Amino acid sequence: MRTNTITIGVSEAKARWSELVRRVGKGESFIITKRGKPKGMLVGPEEDESQRLIETTKKARTPSKGCRLNGLKIKDLLEEGRR
């Protein structure tokens, strides 16, 4: 559920970043401009995409126990790299 897209300059976006992120979370979107030319957009994820990102983040943060690479433990590879 997106509302109207708001245009904002890069300097102002930088100064108000936290506010913009909060507003994006509520459904707003922004076009970021530099010298009046569009350079990017700040938009929130769609609902199904948001859930996928949450699940992917959880998986990435969960350490793999006993994960092996061609019979080697990741722990052993890390220790080898520290020598």
Protein backbone atom coordinates (compact mmCIF):
# COMPACT_ATOMS: atom_id res chain seq x y z
CA MET A 1 0.00 0.00 0.00
CA ARG A 2 2.06 2.93 -1.32
CA THR A 3 1.06 6.56 -1.02
CA ASN A 4 2.26 9.28 -3.37
CA THR A 5 5.95 9.35 -4.14
CA ILE A 6 7.76 12.39 -2.73
CA THR A 7 10.79 13.97 -4.41
CA ILE A 8 13.65 14.99 -2.12
CA GLY A 9 17.20 16.19 -2.72
CA VAL A 10 20.13 14.02 -1.70
CA SER A 11 21.39 16.52 0.90
CA GLU A 12 18.01 16.78 2.57
CA ALA A 13 17.57 13.00 2.43
CA LYS A 14 20.92 12.55 4.14
CA ALA A 15 19.98 15.02 6.88
CA ARG A 16 16.58 13.40 7.46
CA TRP A 17 17.53 9.74 6.83
CA SER A 18 16.03 8.27 10.04
CA GLU A 19 12.75 10.08 9.48
CA LEU A 20 12.58 8.92 5.86
CA VAL A 21 13.22 5.29 6.82
CA ARG A 22 10.43 5.50 9.41
CA ARG A 23 8.06 6.99 6.83
CA VAL A 24 8.98 4.34 4.25
CA GLY A 25 8.03 1.75 6.86
CA LYS A 26 4.59 3.33 6.92
CA GLY A 27 4.18 3.03 3.15
CA GLU A 28 5.63 6.25 1.73
CA SER A 29 8.23 6.27 -1.03
CA PHE A 30 10.78 8.86 -2.10
CA ILE A 31 12.65 9.75 -5.27
CA ILE A 32 16.14 10.97 -4.38
CA THR A 33 17.45 13.70 -6.71
CA LYS A 34 20.82 15.34 -7.24
CA ARG A 35 20.73 18.73 -8.92
CA GLY A 36 17.12 18.08 -9.89
CA LYS A 37 17.79 14.75 -11.64
CA PRO A 38 16.45 11.49 -10.21
CA LYS A 39 19.29 9.29 -8.90
CA GLY A 40 17.47 6.66 -6.83
CA MET A 41 14.40 5.63 -4.91
CA LEU A 42 13.74 4.86 -1.28
CA VAL A 43 10.91 2.34 -1.01
CA GLY A 44 9.97 -0.36 1.45
CA PRO A 45 9.78 -4.04 0.60
CA GLU A 46 6.47 -5.55 -0.40
CA GLU A 47 4.83 -7.68 2.29
CA ASP A 48 5.86 -11.07 0.88
CA GLU A 49 9.36 -9.76 0.15
CA SER A 50 9.60 -8.37 3.68
CA GLN A 51 8.85 -11.77 5.20
CA ARG A 52 11.41 -13.44 2.91
CA LEU A 53 14.05 -10.92 3.99
CA ILE A 54 13.31 -11.56 7.66
CA GLU A 55 13.63 -15.33 7.21
CA THR A 56 16.85 -14.98 5.17
CA THR A 57 18.36 -12.72 7.83
CA LYS A 58 17.50 -15.22 10.57
CA LYS A 59 19.14 -18.04 8.60
CA ALA A 60 22.26 -15.98 7.95
CA ARG A 61 22.61 -15.16 11.65
CA THR A 62 22.23 -18.80 12.74
CA PRO A 63 25.65 -20.46 12.93
CA SER A 64 26.00 -23.65 10.91
CA LYS A 65 26.94 -26.58 13.12
CA GLY A 66 29.03 -29.26 11.49
CA CYS A 67 28.84 -27.60 8.08
CA ARG A 68 31.58 -29.08 5.88
CA LEU A 69 33.22 -28.13 2.63
CA ASN A 70 34.72 -31.16 0.87
CA GLY A 71 35.17 -32.86 4.22
CA LEU A 72 36.67 -29.78 5.93
CA LYS A 73 35.00 -27.98 8.79
CA ILE A 74 34.53 -24.23 8.40
CA LYS A 75 36.15 -23.86 11.82
CA ASP A 76 39.30 -25.59 10.52
CA LEU A 77 39.40 -23.33 7.45
CA LEU A 78 39.12 -20.22 9.62
CA GLU A 79 41.90 -21.44 11.91
CA GLU A 80 44.10 -22.20 8.90
CA GLY A 81 43.59 -18.65 7.65
CA ARG A 82 44.72 -17.23 10.97
CA ARG A 83 48.10 -18.99 10.87
